[in-house]
Structure formats: structure tokens, C-alpha cells
């Protein structure tokens, strides 16, 4: 599987979310390098769980849509 990688902009946005959390909840000032290392760790070790959940959710949406299309097609059938 291809590793989850974030752009510089995404890393900056994620860091902006992590810093206040670490400061307010853990009383830790998170610097750039540790923040980037944490993001890499989370992407590598925890990211696949989120990725897989998103795939399952997308699959469920597609299945529902396919079922709806099947029902619509069945509704077009004509009596013989």
C-alpha cells in the first residue's frame, strides 16, 4: 500500500490543529519538528484505520446507489 503523504500546506494545517490541543490539553508546546514527526507517525500507524473506514463508507454509499438504480430499472419493467 502506498504510504499516506501530506503536502506542505496540509502539514501546516494539521500542525495548526495539533498545537492548540497539545498546549491546552497536555500543557506541551509542540514545535515544528516534533509536530511533523507526530504527523508522520499518525499517518503511518493510524492513518490506515481512517483510510479503510473511509473506503468502507464509500463502498456503502455506492452499494446504496446501485440498489436504488436496480430498483428504478425494475420499476421500468413492463408486464408481459
PDB file of N, CA and C in Angstrom:
ATOM      1  N   UNK A   1       0.841  -1.173   0.000  1.00  0.00           N
ATOM      2  CA  UNK A   1       0.000   0.000   0.000  1.00  0.00           C
ATOM      3  C   UNK A   1       0.891   1.243   0.000  1.00  0.00           C
ATOM      4  N   UNK A   2       0.474   2.242  -0.755  1.00  0.00           N
ATOM      5  CA  UNK A   2       1.205   3.498  -0.817  1.00  0.00           C
ATOM      6  C   UNK A   2       1.069   4.238   0.512  1.00  0.00           C
ATOM      7  N   UNK A   3       2.180   4.720   1.057  1.00  0.00           N
ATOM      8  CA  UNK A   3       2.092   5.457   2.318  1.00  0.00           C
ATOM      9  C   UNK A   3       1.259   6.728   2.167  1.00  0.00           C
ATOM     10  N   UNK A   4       0.621   7.131   3.248  1.00  0.00           N
ATOM     11  CA  UNK A   4      -0.144   8.368   3.254  1.00  0.00           C
ATOM     12  C   UNK A   4       0.846   9.515   3.387  1.00  0.00           C
ATOM     13  N   UNK A   5       0.801  10.436   2.433  1.00  0.00           N
ATOM     14  CA  UNK A   5       1.695  11.591   2.453  1.00  0.00           C
ATOM     15  C   UNK A   5       0.848  12.854   2.349  1.00  0.00           C
ATOM     16  N   UNK A   6       1.287  13.881   3.057  1.00  0.00           N
ATOM     17  CA  UNK A   6       0.591  15.153   3.046  1.00  0.00           C
ATOM     18  C   UNK A   6       1.461  16.221   2.407  1.00  0.00           C
ATOM     19  N   UNK A   7       0.823  17.176   1.746  1.00  0.00           N
ATOM     20  CA  UNK A   7       1.548  18.311   1.167  1.00  0.00           C
ATOM     21  C   UNK A   7       2.031  19.215   2.302  1.00  0.00           C
ATOM     22  N   UNK A   8       2.898  20.154   1.959  1.00  0.00           N
ATOM     23  CA  UNK A   8       3.386  21.117   2.967  1.00  0.00           C
ATOM     24  C   UNK A   8       2.214  21.894   3.557  1.00  0.00           C
ATOM     25  N   UNK A   9       1.262  22.252   2.700  1.00  0.00           N
ATOM     26  CA  UNK A   9       0.091  23.006   3.160  1.00  0.00           C
ATOM     27  C   UNK A   9      -0.744  22.178   4.130  1.00  0.00           C
ATOM     28  N   UNK A  10      -0.911  20.902   3.810  1.00  0.00           N
ATOM     29  CA  UNK A  10      -1.681  20.016   4.689  1.00  0.00           C
ATOM     30  C   UNK A  10      -0.969  19.829   6.029  1.00  0.00           C
ATOM     31  N   UNK A  11       0.350  19.653   5.988  1.00  0.00           N
ATOM     32  CA  UNK A  11       1.127  19.509   7.229  1.00  0.00           C
ATOM     33  C   UNK A  11       0.974  20.774   8.077  1.00  0.00           C
ATOM     34  N   UNK A  12       1.018  21.933   7.441  1.00  0.00           N
ATOM     35  CA  UNK A  12       0.861  23.192   8.177  1.00  0.00           C
ATOM     36  C   UNK A  12      -0.536  23.274   8.807  1.00  0.00           C
ATOM     37  N   UNK A  13      -1.553  22.853   8.063  1.00  0.00           N
ATOM     38  CA  UNK A  13      -2.921  22.892   8.587  1.00  0.00           C
ATOM     39  C   UNK A  13      -3.090  21.908   9.745  1.00  0.00           C
ATOM     40  N   UNK A  14      -2.510  20.724   9.618  1.00  0.00           N
ATOM     41  CA  UNK A  14      -2.609  19.721  10.685  1.00  0.00           C
ATOM     42  C   UNK A  14      -1.853  20.210  11.922  1.00  0.00           C
ATOM     43  N   UNK A  15      -0.674  20.760  11.706  1.00  0.00           N
ATOM     44  CA  UNK A  15       0.118  21.299  12.823  1.00  0.00           C
ATOM     45  C   UNK A  15      -0.651  22.398  13.544  1.00  0.00           C
ATOM     46  N   UNK A  16      -1.344  23.229  12.777  1.00  0.00           N
ATOM     47  CA  UNK A  16      -2.138  24.309  13.375  1.00  0.00           C
ATOM     48  C   UNK A  16      -3.259  23.755  14.247  1.00  0.00           C
ATOM     49  N   UNK A  17      -3.741  22.559  13.947  1.00  0.00           N
ATOM     50  CA  UNK A  17      -4.759  21.912  14.781  1.00  0.00           C
ATOM     51  C   UNK A  17      -4.130  21.228  15.997  1.00  0.00           C
ATOM     52  N   UNK A  18      -2.932  20.652  15.815  1.00  0.00           N
ATOM     53  CA  UNK A  18      -2.282  19.927  16.899  1.00  0.00           C
ATOM     54  C   UNK A  18      -1.759  20.845  18.002  1.00  0.00           C
ATOM     55  N   UNK A  19      -1.175  21.967  17.610  1.00  0.00           N
ATOM     56  CA  UNK A  19      -0.531  22.848  18.596  1.00  0.00           C
ATOM     57  C   UNK A  19      -1.472  23.288  19.709  1.00  0.00           C
ATOM     58  N   UNK A  20      -2.654  23.829  19.399  1.00  0.00           N
ATOM     59  CA  UNK A  20      -3.544  24.243  20.497  1.00  0.00           C
ATOM     60  C   UNK A  20      -3.997  23.066  21.356  1.00  0.00           C
ATOM     61  N   UNK A  21      -4.196  21.920  20.729  1.00  0.00           N
ATOM     62  CA  UNK A  21      -4.610  20.740  21.508  1.00  0.00           C
ATOM     63  C   UNK A  21      -3.522  20.364  22.502  1.00  0.00           C
ATOM     64  N   UNK A  22      -2.301  20.257  22.023  1.00  0.00           N
ATOM     65  CA  UNK A  22      -1.194  19.889  22.912  1.00  0.00           C
ATOM     66  C   UNK A  22      -0.999  20.933  24.006  1.00  0.00           C
ATOM     67  N   UNK A  23      -1.125  22.214  23.629  1.00  0.00           N
ATOM     68  CA  UNK A  23      -0.954  23.288  24.605  1.00  0.00           C
ATOM     69  C   UNK A  23      -2.068  23.257  25.650  1.00  0.00           C
ATOM     70  N   UNK A  24      -3.317  23.184  25.213  1.00  0.00           N
ATOM     71  CA  UNK A  24      -4.456  23.289  26.128  1.00  0.00           C
ATOM     72  C   UNK A  24      -4.721  22.012  26.914  1.00  0.00           C
ATOM     73  N   UNK A  25      -4.582  20.875  26.273  1.00  0.00           N
ATOM     74  CA  UNK A  25      -4.928  19.611  26.920  1.00  0.00           C
ATOM     75  C   UNK A  25      -3.755  18.935  27.614  1.00  0.00           C
ATOM     76  N   UNK A  26      -2.559  19.105  27.069  1.00  0.00           N
ATOM     77  CA  UNK A  26      -1.398  18.390  27.602  1.00  0.00           C
ATOM     78  C   UNK A  26      -0.342  19.318  28.196  1.00  0.00           C
ATOM     79  N   UNK A  27      -0.572  20.629  28.079  1.00  0.00           N
ATOM     80  CA  UNK A  27       0.373  21.616  28.580  1.00  0.00           C
ATOM     81  C   UNK A  27       1.764  21.411  27.980  1.00  0.00           C
ATOM     82  N   UNK A  28       1.789  21.168  26.654  1.00  0.00           N
ATOM     83  CA  UNK A  28       3.030  20.930  25.924  1.00  0.00           C
ATOM     84  C   UNK A  28       3.068  21.876  24.735  1.00  0.00           C
ATOM     85  N   UNK A  29       4.191  22.568  24.572  1.00  0.00           N
ATOM     86  CA  UNK A  29       4.384  23.412  23.391  1.00  0.00           C
ATOM     87  C   UNK A  29       4.985  22.541  22.288  1.00  0.00           C
ATOM     88  N   UNK A  30       4.243  22.324  21.246  1.00  0.00           N
ATOM     89  CA  UNK A  30       4.662  21.448  20.153  1.00  0.00           C
ATOM     90  C   UNK A  30       5.394  22.273  19.097  1.00  0.00           C
ATOM     91  N   UNK A  31       6.640  21.960  18.862  1.00  0.00           N
ATOM     92  CA  UNK A  31       7.467  22.662  17.870  1.00  0.00           C
ATOM     93  C   UNK A  31       7.321  22.005  16.498  1.00  0.00           C
ATOM     94  N   UNK A  32       7.925  22.619  15.485  1.00  0.00           N
ATOM     95  CA  UNK A  32       7.764  22.156  14.107  1.00  0.00           C
ATOM     96  C   UNK A  32       8.213  20.714  13.892  1.00  0.00           C
ATOM     97  N   UNK A  33       9.443  20.395  14.269  1.00  0.00           N
ATOM     98  CA  UNK A  33       9.959  19.052  14.010  1.00  0.00           C
ATOM     99  C   UNK A  33       9.174  17.973  14.749  1.00  0.00           C
ATOM    100  N   UNK A  34       8.934  18.130  16.055  1.00  0.00           N
ATOM    101  CA  UNK A  34       8.129  17.109  16.727  1.00  0.00           C
ATOM    102  C   UNK A  34       6.712  16.993  16.148  1.00  0.00           C
ATOM    103  N   UNK A  35       6.145  18.117  15.728  1.00  0.00           N
ATOM    104  CA  UNK A  35       4.805  18.078  15.128  1.00  0.00           C
ATOM    105  C   UNK A  35       4.837  17.284  13.827  1.00  0.00           C
ATOM    106  N   UNK A  36       5.825  17.524  13.000  1.00  0.00           N
ATOM    107  CA  UNK A  36       5.945  16.792  11.738  1.00  0.00           C
ATOM    108  C   UNK A  36       6.219  15.310  11.984  1.00  0.00           C
ATOM    109  N   UNK A  37       7.020  15.010  12.983  1.00  0.00           N
ATOM    110  CA  UNK A  37       7.281  13.601  13.323  1.00  0.00           C
ATOM    111  C   UNK A  37       6.006  12.926  13.808  1.00  0.00           C
ATOM    112  N   UNK A  38       5.209  13.636  14.597  1.00  0.00           N
ATOM    113  CA  UNK A  38       3.937  13.092  15.078  1.00  0.00           C
ATOM    114  C   UNK A  38       2.990  12.846  13.915  1.00  0.00           C
ATOM    115  N   UNK A  39       2.919  13.801  12.994  1.00  0.00           N
ATOM    116  CA  UNK A  39       2.057  13.633  11.822  1.00  0.00           C
ATOM    117  C   UNK A  39       2.499  12.425  11.012  1.00  0.00           C
ATOM    118  N   UNK A  40       3.786  12.266  10.798  1.00  0.00           N
ATOM    119  CA  UNK A  40       4.308  11.095  10.065  1.00  0.00           C
ATOM    120  C   UNK A  40       3.927   9.803  10.781  1.00  0.00           C
ATOM    121  N   UNK A  41       4.086   9.790  12.100  1.00  0.00           N
ATOM    122  CA  UNK A  41       3.735   8.597  12.873  1.00  0.00           C
ATOM    123  C   UNK A  41       2.256   8.277  12.746  1.00  0.00           C
ATOM    124  N   UNK A  42       1.415   9.299  12.940  1.00  0.00           N
ATOM    125  CA  UNK A  42      -0.032   9.080  12.856  1.00  0.00           C
ATOM    126  C   UNK A  42      -0.440   8.615  11.467  1.00  0.00           C
ATOM    127  N   UNK A  43       0.135   9.210  10.436  1.00  0.00           N
ATOM    128  CA  UNK A  43      -0.188   8.808   9.068  1.00  0.00           C
ATOM    129  C   UNK A  43       0.223   7.357   8.821  1.00  0.00           C
ATOM    130  N   UNK A  44       1.379   6.987   9.324  1.00  0.00           N
ATOM    131  CA  UNK A  44       1.913   5.646   9.093  1.00  0.00           C
ATOM    132  C   UNK A  44       1.190   4.585   9.923  1.00  0.00           C
ATOM    133  N   UNK A  45       0.951   4.872  11.191  1.00  0.00           N
ATOM    134  CA  UNK A  45       0.454   3.857  12.109  1.00  0.00           C
ATOM    135  C   UNK A  45      -1.064   3.872  12.303  1.00  0.00           C
ATOM    136  N   UNK A  46      -1.678   5.035  12.217  1.00  0.00           N
ATOM    137  CA  UNK A  46      -3.114   5.155  12.493  1.00  0.00           C
ATOM    138  C   UNK A  46      -3.894   5.502  11.228  1.00  0.00           C
ATOM    139  N   UNK A  47      -3.235   6.185  10.313  1.00  0.00           N
ATOM    140  CA  UNK A  47      -3.881   6.589   9.066  1.00  0.00           C
ATOM    141  C   UNK A  47      -4.605   5.466   8.335  1.00  0.00           C
ATOM    142  N   UNK A  48      -4.013   4.261   8.252  1.00  0.00           N
ATOM    143  CA  UNK A  48      -4.701   3.186   7.544  1.00  0.00           C
ATOM    144  C   UNK A  48      -6.079   2.839   8.128  1.00  0.00           C
ATOM    145  N   UNK A  49      -6.257   3.007   9.426  1.00  0.00           N
ATOM    146  CA  UNK A  49      -7.574   2.743  10.023  1.00  0.00           C
ATOM    147  C   UNK A  49      -8.604   3.739   9.493  1.00  0.00           C
ATOM    148  N   UNK A  50      -8.226   5.025   9.449  1.00  0.00           N
ATOM    149  CA  UNK A  50      -9.123   6.050   8.933  1.00  0.00           C
ATOM    150  C   UNK A  50      -9.363   5.854   7.436  1.00  0.00           C
ATOM    151  N   UNK A  51      -8.312   5.531   6.713  1.00  0.00           N
ATOM    152  CA  UNK A  51      -8.405   5.303   5.272  1.00  0.00           C
ATOM    153  C   UNK A  51      -9.363   4.146   4.973  1.00  0.00           C
ATOM    154  N   UNK A  52      -9.187   3.051   5.690  1.00  0.00           N
ATOM    155  CA  UNK A  52     -10.050   1.895   5.473  1.00  0.00           C
ATOM    156  C   UNK A  52     -11.495   2.199   5.833  1.00  0.00           C
ATOM    157  N   UNK A  53     -11.715   2.931   6.912  1.00  0.00           N
ATOM    158  CA  UNK A  53     -13.076   3.309   7.302  1.00  0.00           C
ATOM    159  C   UNK A  53     -13.714   4.142   6.195  1.00  0.00           C
ATOM    160  N   UNK A  54     -12.953   5.068   5.618  1.00  0.00           N
ATOM    161  CA  UNK A  54     -13.473   5.889   4.519  1.00  0.00           C
ATOM    162  C   UNK A  54     -13.820   5.020   3.314  1.00  0.00           C
ATOM    163  N   UNK A  55     -12.993   4.011   3.035  1.00  0.00           N
ATOM    164  CA  UNK A  55     -13.300   3.094   1.929  1.00  0.00           C
ATOM    165  C   UNK A  55     -14.587   2.325   2.197  1.00  0.00           C
ATOM    166  N   UNK A  56     -14.760   1.844   3.414  1.00  0.00           N
ATOM    167  CA  UNK A  56     -15.988   1.109   3.760  1.00  0.00           C
ATOM    168  C   UNK A  56     -17.209   2.016   3.620  1.00  0.00           C
ATOM    169  N   UNK A  57     -17.082   3.264   4.072  1.00  0.00           N
ATOM    170  CA  UNK A  57     -18.191   4.209   3.960  1.00  0.00           C
ATOM    171  C   UNK A  57     -18.509   4.508   2.496  1.00  0.00           C
ATOM    172  N   UNK A  58     -17.475   4.706   1.680  1.00  0.00           N
ATOM    173  CA  UNK A  58     -17.685   4.957   0.253  1.00  0.00           C
ATOM    174  C   UNK A  58     -18.329   3.747  -0.415  1.00  0.00           C
ATOM    175  N   UNK A  59     -17.881   2.559  -0.042  1.00  0.00           N
ATOM    176  CA  UNK A  59     -18.458   1.336  -0.604  1.00  0.00           C
ATOM    177  C   UNK A  59     -19.936   1.222  -0.237  1.00  0.00           C
ATOM    178  N   UNK A  60     -20.303   1.574   0.973  1.00  0.00           N
ATOM    179  CA  UNK A  60     -21.696   1.516   1.409  1.00  0.00           C
ATOM    180  C   UNK A  60     -22.552   2.498   0.609  1.00  0.00           C
ATOM    181  N   UNK A  61     -22.015   3.697   0.351  1.00  0.00           N
ATOM    182  CA  UNK A  61     -22.752   4.685  -0.438  1.00  0.00           C
ATOM    183  C   UNK A  61     -22.958   4.167  -1.856  1.00  0.00           C
ATOM    184  N   UNK A  62     -21.898   3.612  -2.458  1.00  0.00           N
ATOM    185  CA  UNK A  62     -22.014   3.079  -3.812  1.00  0.00           C
ATOM    186  C   UNK A  62     -23.006   1.923  -3.880  1.00  0.00           C
ATOM    187  N   UNK A  63     -22.999   1.050  -2.882  1.00  0.00           N
ATOM    188  CA  UNK A  63     -23.929  -0.073  -2.857  1.00  0.00           C
ATOM    189  C   UNK A  63     -25.362   0.437  -2.782  1.00  0.00           C
ATOM    190  N   UNK A  64     -25.599   1.433  -1.951  1.00  0.00           N
ATOM    191  CA  UNK A  64     -26.943   2.009  -1.825  1.00  0.00           C
ATOM    192  C   UNK A  64     -27.392   2.601  -3.143  1.00  0.00           C
ATOM    193  N   UNK A  65     -26.512   3.340  -3.805  1.00  0.00           N
ATOM    194  CA  UNK A  65     -26.841   3.934  -5.107  1.00  0.00           C
ATOM    195  C   UNK A  65     -27.114   2.849  -6.147  1.00  0.00           C
ATOM    196  N   UNK A  66     -26.304   1.792  -6.142  1.00  0.00           N
ATOM    197  CA  UNK A  66     -26.522   0.691  -7.091  1.00  0.00           C
ATOM    198  C   UNK A  66     -27.862   0.014  -6.825  1.00  0.00           C
ATOM    199  N   UNK A  67     -28.209  -0.158  -5.549  1.00  0.00           N
ATOM    200  CA  UNK A  67     -29.512  -0.739  -5.203  1.00  0.00           C
ATOM    201  C   UNK A  67     -30.641   0.161  -5.690  1.00  0.00           C
ATOM    202  N   UNK A  68     -30.491   1.479  -5.513  1.00  0.00           N
ATOM    203  CA  UNK A  68     -31.503   2.427  -5.978  1.00  0.00           C
ATOM    204  C   UNK A  68     -31.672   2.352  -7.491  1.00  0.00           C
ATOM    205  N   UNK A  69     -30.564   2.261  -8.220  1.00  0.00           N
ATOM    206  CA  UNK A  69     -30.620   2.149  -9.678  1.00  0.00           C
ATOM    207  C   UNK A  69     -31.305   0.849 -10.075  1.00  0.00           C
ATOM    208  N   UNK A  70     -30.958  -0.244  -9.379  1.00  0.00           N
ATOM    209  CA  UNK A  70     -31.599  -1.533  -9.661  1.00  0.00           C
ATOM    210  C   UNK A  70     -33.103  -1.473  -9.463  1.00  0.00           C
ATOM    211  N   UNK A  71     -33.525  -0.812  -8.397  1.00  0.00           N
ATOM    212  CA  UNK A  71     -34.960  -0.666  -8.132  1.00  0.00           C
ATOM    213  C   UNK A  71     -35.624   0.201  -9.204  1.00  0.00           C
ATOM    214  N   UNK A  72     -34.950   1.266  -9.630  1.00  0.00           N
ATOM    215  CA  UNK A  72     -35.502   2.150 -10.668  1.00  0.00           C
ATOM    216  C   UNK A  72     -35.645   1.384 -11.986  1.00  0.00           C
ATOM    217  N   UNK A  73     -34.655   0.568 -12.305  1.00  0.00           N
ATOM    218  CA  UNK A  73     -34.726  -0.224 -13.544  1.00  0.00           C
ATOM    219  C   UNK A  73     -35.864  -1.234 -13.439  1.00  0.00           C
ATOM    220  N   UNK A  74     -35.975  -1.874 -12.297  1.00  0.00           N
ATOM    221  CA  UNK A  74     -37.056  -2.855 -12.108  1.00  0.00           C
ATOM    222  C   UNK A  74     -38.413  -2.175 -12.243  1.00  0.00           C
ATOM    223  N   UNK A  75     -38.518  -0.907 -11.814  1.00  0.00           N
ATOM    224  CA  UNK A  75     -39.762  -0.155 -11.930  1.00  0.00           C
ATOM    225  C   UNK A  75     -40.121   0.162 -13.372  1.00  0.00           C
ATOM    226  N   UNK A  76     -39.166   0.068 -14.268  1.00  0.00           N
ATOM    227  CA  UNK A  76     -39.430   0.332 -15.695  1.00  0.00           C
ATOM    228  C   UNK A  76     -39.905  -0.904 -16.455  1.00  0.00           C
ATOM    229  N   UNK A  77     -39.830  -2.054 -15.800  1.00  0.00           N
ATOM    230  CA  UNK A  77     -40.253  -3.293 -16.475  1.00  0.00           C
ATOM    231  C   UNK A  77     -41.721  -3.198 -16.852  1.00  0.00           C
ATOM    232  N   UNK A  78     -42.047  -3.806 -17.984  1.00  0.00           N
ATOM    233  CA  UNK A  78     -43.434  -3.825 -18.460  1.00  0.00           C
ATOM    234  C   UNK A  78     -44.003  -5.222 -18.311  1.00  0.00           C
ATOM    235  N   UNK A  79     -45.273  -5.249 -18.075  1.00  0.00           N
ATOM    236  CA  UNK A  79     -45.957  -6.543 -17.955  1.00  0.00           C
ATOM    237  C   UNK A  79     -45.877  -7.266 -19.287  1.00  0.00           C
ATOM    238  N   UNK A  80     -45.744  -8.558 -19.223  1.00  0.00           N
ATOM    239  CA  UNK A  80     -45.648  -9.364 -20.455  1.00  0.00           C
ATOM    240  C   UNK A  80     -46.992  -9.853 -20.889  1.00  0.00           C
TER     241      UNK A  80
END
